[in-house]
Amino acid sequence: ASGKLTTLQYLNWSDGAQPFAGLVLGTDGNY
């Protein structure tokens, strides 16, 4: 909330690219 950013994943073409959508937090605690 104070602005410290951490990159969790750099996407690549084979896994998927250009995520126009945001994330949703599932009930298992994963995004």
PDB file of all heavy atoms in Angstrom:
ATOM      1  N   ALA A   1       0.822  -1.214   0.000  1.00  0.00           N
ATOM      2  CA  ALA A   1       0.000   0.000   0.000  1.00  0.00           C
ATOM      3  C   ALA A   1       0.854   1.262   0.000  1.00  0.00           C
ATOM      4  O   ALA A   1       0.367   2.342  -0.359  1.00  0.00           O
ATOM      5  CB  ALA A   1      -0.931  -0.001   1.205  1.00  0.00           C
ATOM      6  N   SER A   2       2.134   1.121   0.364  1.00  0.00           N
ATOM      7  CA  SER A   2       3.038   2.271   0.348  1.00  0.00           C
ATOM      8  C   SER A   2       3.815   2.388  -0.956  1.00  0.00           C
ATOM      9  O   SER A   2       4.552   3.350  -1.156  1.00  0.00           O
ATOM     10  CB  SER A   2       4.021   2.184   1.515  1.00  0.00           C
ATOM     11  OG  SER A   2       4.806   1.007   1.424  1.00  0.00           O
ATOM     12  N   GLY A   3       3.690   1.389  -1.852  1.00  0.00           N
ATOM     13  CA  GLY A   3       4.282   1.525  -3.183  1.00  0.00           C
ATOM     14  C   GLY A   3       5.502   0.682  -3.475  1.00  0.00           C
ATOM     15  O   GLY A   3       6.116   0.860  -4.530  1.00  0.00           O
ATOM     16  N   LYS A   4       5.858  -0.267  -2.619  1.00  0.00           N
ATOM     17  CA  LYS A   4       7.004  -1.126  -2.905  1.00  0.00           C
ATOM     18  C   LYS A   4       6.562  -2.264  -3.823  1.00  0.00           C
ATOM     19  O   LYS A   4       5.749  -3.110  -3.438  1.00  0.00           O
ATOM     20  CB  LYS A   4       7.599  -1.692  -1.620  1.00  0.00           C
ATOM     21  CG  LYS A   4       8.822  -2.573  -1.865  1.00  0.00           C
ATOM     22  CD  LYS A   4       9.376  -3.141  -0.574  1.00  0.00           C
ATOM     23  CE  LYS A   4      10.573  -4.048  -0.841  1.00  0.00           C
ATOM     24  NZ  LYS A   4      11.130  -4.631   0.408  1.00  0.00           N
ATOM     25  N   LEU A   5       7.106  -2.303  -5.043  1.00  0.00           N
ATOM     26  CA  LEU A   5       6.700  -3.283  -6.054  1.00  0.00           C
ATOM     27  C   LEU A   5       7.703  -4.422  -6.155  1.00  0.00           C
ATOM     28  O   LEU A   5       8.913  -4.197  -6.155  1.00  0.00           O
ATOM     29  CB  LEU A   5       6.526  -2.617  -7.413  1.00  0.00           C
ATOM     30  CG  LEU A   5       5.982  -3.534  -8.520  1.00  0.00           C
ATOM     31  CD1 LEU A   5       4.864  -2.861  -9.290  1.00  0.00           C
ATOM     32  CD2 LEU A   5       7.104  -3.950  -9.483  1.00  0.00           C
ATOM     33  N   THR A   6       7.178  -5.647  -6.249  1.00  0.00           N
ATOM     34  CA  THR A   6       7.986  -6.842  -6.470  1.00  0.00           C
ATOM     35  C   THR A   6       7.426  -7.593  -7.671  1.00  0.00           C
ATOM     36  O   THR A   6       6.224  -7.874  -7.717  1.00  0.00           O
ATOM     37  CB  THR A   6       7.956  -7.774  -5.242  1.00  0.00           C
ATOM     38  OG1 THR A   6       8.415  -7.057  -4.102  1.00  0.00           O
ATOM     39  CG2 THR A   6       8.827  -8.991  -5.469  1.00  0.00           C
ATOM     40  N   THR A   7       8.266  -7.900  -8.642  1.00  0.00           N
ATOM     41  CA  THR A   7       7.831  -8.694  -9.794  1.00  0.00           C
ATOM     42  C   THR A   7       7.850 -10.160  -9.402  1.00  0.00           C
ATOM     43  O   THR A   7       8.871 -10.703  -8.999  1.00  0.00           O
ATOM     44  CB  THR A   7       8.750  -8.461 -11.003  1.00  0.00           C
ATOM     45  OG1 THR A   7       8.759  -7.070 -11.319  1.00  0.00           O
ATOM     46  CG2 THR A   7       8.254  -9.239 -12.213  1.00  0.00           C
ATOM     47  N   LEU A   8       6.697 -10.819  -9.515  1.00  0.00           N
ATOM     48  CA  LEU A   8       6.580 -12.230  -9.154  1.00  0.00           C
ATOM     49  C   LEU A   8       6.879 -13.146 -10.332  1.00  0.00           C
ATOM     50  O   LEU A   8       7.393 -14.245 -10.146  1.00  0.00           O
ATOM     51  CB  LEU A   8       5.170 -12.526  -8.636  1.00  0.00           C
ATOM     52  CG  LEU A   8       4.731 -11.760  -7.387  1.00  0.00           C
ATOM     53  CD1 LEU A   8       3.282 -12.101  -7.051  1.00  0.00           C
ATOM     54  CD2 LEU A   8       5.639 -12.068  -6.216  1.00  0.00           C
ATOM     55  N   GLN A   9       6.544 -12.699 -11.543  1.00  0.00           N
ATOM     56  CA  GLN A   9       6.712 -13.560 -12.710  1.00  0.00           C
ATOM     57  C   GLN A   9       6.867 -12.719 -13.959  1.00  0.00           C
ATOM     58  O   GLN A   9       6.095 -11.777 -14.185  1.00  0.00           O
ATOM     59  CB  GLN A   9       5.496 -14.490 -12.866  1.00  0.00           C
ATOM     60  CG  GLN A   9       5.542 -15.436 -14.049  1.00  0.00           C
ATOM     61  CD  GLN A   9       6.483 -16.611 -13.824  1.00  0.00           C
ATOM     62  OE1 GLN A   9       6.904 -16.838 -12.690  1.00  0.00           O
ATOM     63  NE2 GLN A   9       6.783 -17.352 -14.854  1.00  0.00           N
ATOM     64  N   TYR A  10       7.877 -13.052 -14.764  1.00  0.00           N
ATOM     65  CA  TYR A  10       7.993 -12.501 -16.113  1.00  0.00           C
ATOM     66  C   TYR A  10       7.385 -13.526 -17.062  1.00  0.00           C
ATOM     67  O   TYR A  10       7.869 -14.651 -17.157  1.00  0.00           O
ATOM     68  CB  TYR A  10       9.463 -12.252 -16.469  1.00  0.00           C
ATOM     69  CG  TYR A  10      10.129 -11.211 -15.613  1.00  0.00           C
ATOM     70  CD1 TYR A  10      10.959 -11.579 -14.561  1.00  0.00           C
ATOM     71  CD2 TYR A  10       9.934  -9.856 -15.862  1.00  0.00           C
ATOM     72  CE1 TYR A  10      11.582 -10.614 -13.767  1.00  0.00           C
ATOM     73  CE2 TYR A  10      10.555  -8.883 -15.072  1.00  0.00           C
ATOM     74  CZ  TYR A  10      11.366  -9.274 -14.037  1.00  0.00           C
ATOM     75  OH  TYR A  10      11.977  -8.322 -13.245  1.00  0.00           O
ATOM     76  N   LEU A  11       6.324 -13.150 -17.758  1.00  0.00           N
ATOM     77  CA  LEU A  11       5.619 -14.111 -18.608  1.00  0.00           C
ATOM     78  C   LEU A  11       6.392 -14.362 -19.895  1.00  0.00           C
ATOM     79  O   LEU A  11       7.162 -13.521 -20.362  1.00  0.00           O
ATOM     80  CB  LEU A  11       4.219 -13.597 -18.927  1.00  0.00           C
ATOM     81  CG  LEU A  11       3.301 -13.396 -17.708  1.00  0.00           C
ATOM     82  CD1 LEU A  11       1.923 -12.943 -18.157  1.00  0.00           C
ATOM     83  CD2 LEU A  11       3.193 -14.669 -16.884  1.00  0.00           C
ATOM     84  N   ASN A  12       6.168 -15.552 -20.487  1.00  0.00           N
ATOM     85  CA  ASN A  12       6.769 -15.891 -21.772  1.00  0.00           C
ATOM     86  C   ASN A  12       5.706 -16.487 -22.677  1.00  0.00           C
ATOM     87  O   ASN A  12       4.622 -16.875 -22.230  1.00  0.00           O
ATOM     88  CB  ASN A  12       7.939 -16.863 -21.588  1.00  0.00           C
ATOM     89  CG  ASN A  12       7.507 -18.152 -20.926  1.00  0.00           C
ATOM     90  OD1 ASN A  12       6.806 -18.961 -21.521  1.00  0.00           O
ATOM     91  ND2 ASN A  12       7.916 -18.354 -19.675  1.00  0.00           N
ATOM     92  N   TRP A  13       6.021 -16.561 -23.957  1.00  0.00           N
ATOM     93  CA  TRP A  13       5.013 -16.949 -24.937  1.00  0.00           C
ATOM     94  C   TRP A  13       4.471 -18.361 -24.711  1.00  0.00           C
ATOM     95  O   TRP A  13       3.278 -18.606 -24.888  1.00  0.00           O
ATOM     96  CB  TRP A  13       5.581 -16.830 -26.347  1.00  0.00           C
ATOM     97  CG  TRP A  13       4.528 -17.037 -27.395  1.00  0.00           C
ATOM     98  CD1 TRP A  13       4.225 -18.178 -28.071  1.00  0.00           C
ATOM     99  CD2 TRP A  13       3.587 -16.060 -27.860  1.00  0.00           C
ATOM    100  NE1 TRP A  13       3.178 -17.990 -28.928  1.00  0.00           N
ATOM    101  CE2 TRP A  13       2.767 -16.691 -28.823  1.00  0.00           C
ATOM    102  CE3 TRP A  13       3.372 -14.714 -27.562  1.00  0.00           C
ATOM    103  CZ2 TRP A  13       1.737 -16.023 -29.489  1.00  0.00           C
ATOM    104  CZ3 TRP A  13       2.361 -14.044 -28.226  1.00  0.00           C
ATOM    105  CH2 TRP A  13       1.566 -14.705 -29.172  1.00  0.00           C
ATOM    106  N   SER A  14       5.302 -19.285 -24.309  1.00  0.00           N
ATOM    107  CA  SER A  14       4.849 -20.670 -24.199  1.00  0.00           C
ATOM    108  C   SER A  14       3.846 -20.847 -23.067  1.00  0.00           C
ATOM    109  O   SER A  14       2.905 -21.644 -23.179  1.00  0.00           O
ATOM    110  CB  SER A  14       6.042 -21.608 -23.991  1.00  0.00           C
ATOM    111  OG  SER A  14       6.739 -21.276 -22.805  1.00  0.00           O
ATOM    112  N   ASP A  15       4.018 -20.110 -21.959  1.00  0.00           N
ATOM    113  CA  ASP A  15       3.079 -20.223 -20.844  1.00  0.00           C
ATOM    114  C   ASP A  15       1.857 -19.333 -21.021  1.00  0.00           C
ATOM    115  O   ASP A  15       0.795 -19.602 -20.473  1.00  0.00           O
ATOM    116  CB  ASP A  15       3.761 -19.844 -19.533  1.00  0.00           C
ATOM    117  CG  ASP A  15       4.730 -20.915 -19.059  1.00  0.00           C
ATOM    118  OD1 ASP A  15       4.571 -22.075 -19.466  1.00  0.00           O
ATOM    119  OD2 ASP A  15       5.635 -20.579 -18.287  1.00  0.00           O
ATOM    120  N   GLY A  16       2.004 -18.270 -21.767  1.00  0.00           N
ATOM    121  CA  GLY A  16       0.934 -17.298 -21.930  1.00  0.00           C
ATOM    122  C   GLY A  16       1.493 -15.889 -21.886  1.00  0.00           C
ATOM    123  O   GLY A  16       2.452 -15.608 -21.150  1.00  0.00           O
ATOM    124  N   ALA A  17       0.916 -15.001 -22.668  1.00  0.00           N
ATOM    125  CA  ALA A  17       1.457 -13.651 -22.801  1.00  0.00           C
ATOM    126  C   ALA A  17       0.328 -12.639 -22.924  1.00  0.00           C
ATOM    127  O   ALA A  17      -0.789 -12.959 -23.297  1.00  0.00           O
ATOM    128  CB  ALA A  17       2.359 -13.573 -24.039  1.00  0.00           C
ATOM    129  N   GLN A  18       0.655 -11.383 -22.620  1.00  0.00           N
ATOM    130  CA  GLN A  18      -0.286 -10.268 -22.680  1.00  0.00           C
ATOM    131  C   GLN A  18      -1.545 -10.505 -21.826  1.00  0.00           C
ATOM    132  O   GLN A  18      -2.660 -10.685 -22.336  1.00  0.00           O
ATOM    133  CB  GLN A  18      -0.684  -9.951 -24.123  1.00  0.00           C
ATOM    134  CG  GLN A  18       0.367  -9.198 -24.896  1.00  0.00           C
ATOM    135  CD  GLN A  18       1.162 -10.081 -25.848  1.00  0.00           C
ATOM    136  OE1 GLN A  18       0.675 -11.098 -26.303  1.00  0.00           O
ATOM    137  NE2 GLN A  18       2.385  -9.688 -26.142  1.00  0.00           N
ATOM    138  N   PRO A  19      -1.402 -10.487 -20.495  1.00  0.00           N
ATOM    139  CA  PRO A  19      -2.562 -10.636 -19.622  1.00  0.00           C
ATOM    140  C   PRO A  19      -3.320  -9.318 -19.470  1.00  0.00           C
ATOM    141  O   PRO A  19      -3.023  -8.513 -18.588  1.00  0.00           O
ATOM    142  CB  PRO A  19      -1.939 -11.078 -18.299  1.00  0.00           C
ATOM    143  CG  PRO A  19      -0.579 -10.455 -18.305  1.00  0.00           C
ATOM    144  CD  PRO A  19      -0.132 -10.441 -19.744  1.00  0.00           C
ATOM    145  N   PHE A  20      -4.292  -9.091 -20.332  1.00  0.00           N
ATOM    146  CA  PHE A  20      -5.126  -7.895 -20.202  1.00  0.00           C
ATOM    147  C   PHE A  20      -5.972  -7.965 -18.934  1.00  0.00           C
ATOM    148  O   PHE A  20      -6.342  -6.950 -18.361  1.00  0.00           O
ATOM    149  CB  PHE A  20      -6.035  -7.729 -21.433  1.00  0.00           C
ATOM    150  CG  PHE A  20      -5.357  -7.070 -22.593  1.00  0.00           C
ATOM    151  CD1 PHE A  20      -4.644  -7.820 -23.504  1.00  0.00           C
ATOM    152  CD2 PHE A  20      -5.409  -5.700 -22.764  1.00  0.00           C
ATOM    153  CE1 PHE A  20      -4.001  -7.215 -24.585  1.00  0.00           C
ATOM    154  CE2 PHE A  20      -4.778  -5.085 -23.832  1.00  0.00           C
ATOM    155  CZ  PHE A  20      -4.070  -5.844 -24.743  1.00  0.00           C
ATOM    156  N   ALA A  21      -6.297  -9.183 -18.516  1.00  0.00           N
ATOM    157  CA  ALA A  21      -7.108  -9.366 -17.324  1.00  0.00           C
ATOM    158  C   ALA A  21      -6.252  -9.293 -16.074  1.00  0.00           C
ATOM    159  O   ALA A  21      -5.060  -9.584 -16.096  1.00  0.00           O
ATOM    160  CB  ALA A  21      -7.819 -10.716 -17.388  1.00  0.00           C
ATOM    161  N   GLY A  22      -6.875  -8.922 -14.965  1.00  0.00           N
ATOM    162  CA  GLY A  22      -6.219  -8.978 -13.682  1.00  0.00           C
ATOM    163  C   GLY A  22      -6.309 -10.367 -13.089  1.00  0.00           C
ATOM    164  O   GLY A  22      -6.704 -11.337 -13.750  1.00  0.00           O
ATOM    165  N   LEU A  23      -5.954 -10.481 -11.831  1.00  0.00           N
ATOM    166  CA  LEU A  23      -5.982 -11.747 -11.120  1.00  0.00           C
ATOM    167  C   LEU A  23      -7.251 -11.855 -10.279  1.00  0.00           C
ATOM    168  O   LEU A  23      -7.854 -10.849  -9.905  1.00  0.00           O
ATOM    169  CB  LEU A  23      -4.768 -11.853 -10.192  1.00  0.00           C
ATOM    170  CG  LEU A  23      -3.387 -11.746 -10.846  1.00  0.00           C
ATOM    171  CD1 LEU A  23      -2.311 -11.579  -9.779  1.00  0.00           C
ATOM    172  CD2 LEU A  23      -3.109 -12.985 -11.697  1.00  0.00           C
ATOM    173  N   VAL A  24      -7.640 -13.083  -9.974  1.00  0.00           N
ATOM    174  CA  VAL A  24      -8.707 -13.328  -9.015  1.00  0.00           C
ATOM    175  C   VAL A  24      -8.165 -14.286  -7.965  1.00  0.00           C
ATOM    176  O   VAL A  24      -7.451 -15.233  -8.275  1.00  0.00           O
ATOM    177  CB  VAL A  24      -9.972 -13.896  -9.705  1.00  0.00           C
ATOM    178  CG1 VAL A  24      -9.693 -15.208 -10.410  1.00  0.00           C
ATOM    179  CG2 VAL A  24     -11.096 -14.077  -8.688  1.00  0.00           C
ATOM    180  N   LEU A  25      -8.457 -14.002  -6.693  1.00  0.00           N
ATOM    181  CA  LEU A  25      -7.983 -14.835  -5.597  1.00  0.00           C
ATOM    182  C   LEU A  25      -8.977 -15.956  -5.366  1.00  0.00           C
ATOM    183  O   LEU A  25     -10.136 -15.716  -5.002  1.00  0.00           O
ATOM    184  CB  LEU A  25      -7.815 -13.993  -4.333  1.00  0.00           C
ATOM    185  CG  LEU A  25      -7.278 -14.707  -3.091  1.00  0.00           C
ATOM    186  CD1 LEU A  25      -5.897 -15.291  -3.350  1.00  0.00           C
ATOM    187  CD2 LEU A  25      -7.240 -13.744  -1.901  1.00  0.00           C
ATOM    188  N   GLY A  26      -8.552 -17.189  -5.612  1.00  0.00           N
ATOM    189  CA  GLY A  26      -9.425 -18.346  -5.443  1.00  0.00           C
ATOM    190  C   GLY A  26      -9.560 -18.737  -3.988  1.00  0.00           C
ATOM    191  O   GLY A  26      -8.792 -18.300  -3.119  1.00  0.00           O
ATOM    192  N   THR A  27     -10.536 -19.601  -3.690  1.00  0.00           N
ATOM    193  CA  THR A  27     -10.772 -20.022  -2.317  1.00  0.00           C
ATOM    194  C   THR A  27      -9.684 -20.943  -1.792  1.00  0.00           C
ATOM    195  O   THR A  27      -9.644 -21.235  -0.593  1.00  0.00           O
ATOM    196  CB  THR A  27     -12.139 -20.725  -2.201  1.00  0.00           C
ATOM    197  OG1 THR A  27     -12.244 -21.733  -3.218  1.00  0.00           O
ATOM    198  CG2 THR A  27     -13.273 -19.737  -2.381  1.00  0.00           C
ATOM    199  N   ASP A  28      -8.786 -21.413  -2.665  1.00  0.00           N
ATOM    200  CA  ASP A  28      -7.642 -22.215  -2.216  1.00  0.00           C
ATOM    201  C   ASP A  28      -6.444 -21.349  -1.863  1.00  0.00           C
ATOM    202  O   ASP A  28      -5.372 -21.863  -1.531  1.00  0.00           O
ATOM    203  CB  ASP A  28      -7.257 -23.241  -3.278  1.00  0.00           C
ATOM    204  CG  ASP A  28      -6.904 -22.612  -4.621  1.00  0.00           C
ATOM    205  OD1 ASP A  28      -7.007 -21.372  -4.731  1.00  0.00           O
ATOM    206  OD2 ASP A  28      -6.548 -23.348  -5.553  1.00  0.00           O
ATOM    207  N   GLY A  29      -6.583 -20.026  -1.948  1.00  0.00           N
ATOM    208  CA  GLY A  29      -5.496 -19.114  -1.619  1.00  0.00           C
ATOM    209  C   GLY A  29      -4.564 -18.815  -2.761  1.00  0.00           C
ATOM    210  O   GLY A  29      -3.616 -18.029  -2.599  1.00  0.00           O
ATOM    211  N   ASN A  30      -4.807 -19.391  -3.941  1.00  0.00           N
ATOM    212  CA  ASN A  30      -3.986 -19.134  -5.115  1.00  0.00           C
ATOM    213  C   ASN A  30      -4.662 -18.101  -6.013  1.00  0.00           C
ATOM    214  O   ASN A  30      -5.878 -17.892  -5.941  1.00  0.00           O
ATOM    215  CB  ASN A  30      -3.748 -20.427  -5.899  1.00  0.00           C
ATOM    216  CG  ASN A  30      -2.935 -21.430  -5.105  1.00  0.00           C
ATOM    217  OD1 ASN A  30      -1.988 -21.078  -4.423  1.00  0.00           O
ATOM    218  ND2 ASN A  30      -3.329 -22.690  -5.181  1.00  0.00           N
ATOM    219  N   TYR A  31      -3.858 -17.480  -6.871  1.00  0.00           N
ATOM    220  CA  TYR A  31      -4.383 -16.518  -7.828  1.00  0.00           C
ATOM    221  C   TYR A  31      -4.601 -17.198  -9.175  1.00  0.00           C
ATOM    222  O   TYR A  31      -3.826 -18.062  -9.589  1.00  0.00           O
ATOM    223  CB  TYR A  31      -3.408 -15.350  -8.013  1.00  0.00           C
ATOM    224  CG  TYR A  31      -3.279 -14.475  -6.795  1.00  0.00           C
ATOM    225  CD1 TYR A  31      -2.186 -14.594  -5.940  1.00  0.00           C
ATOM    226  CD2 TYR A  31      -4.248 -13.522  -6.492  1.00  0.00           C
ATOM    227  CE1 TYR A  31      -2.063 -13.787  -4.817  1.00  0.00           C
ATOM    228  CE2 TYR A  31      -4.133 -12.715  -5.374  1.00  0.00           C
ATOM    229  CZ  TYR A  31      -3.045 -12.855  -4.537  1.00  0.00           C
ATOM    230  OH  TYR A  31      -2.934 -12.060  -3.427  1.00  0.00           O
TER     231      TYR A  31
END
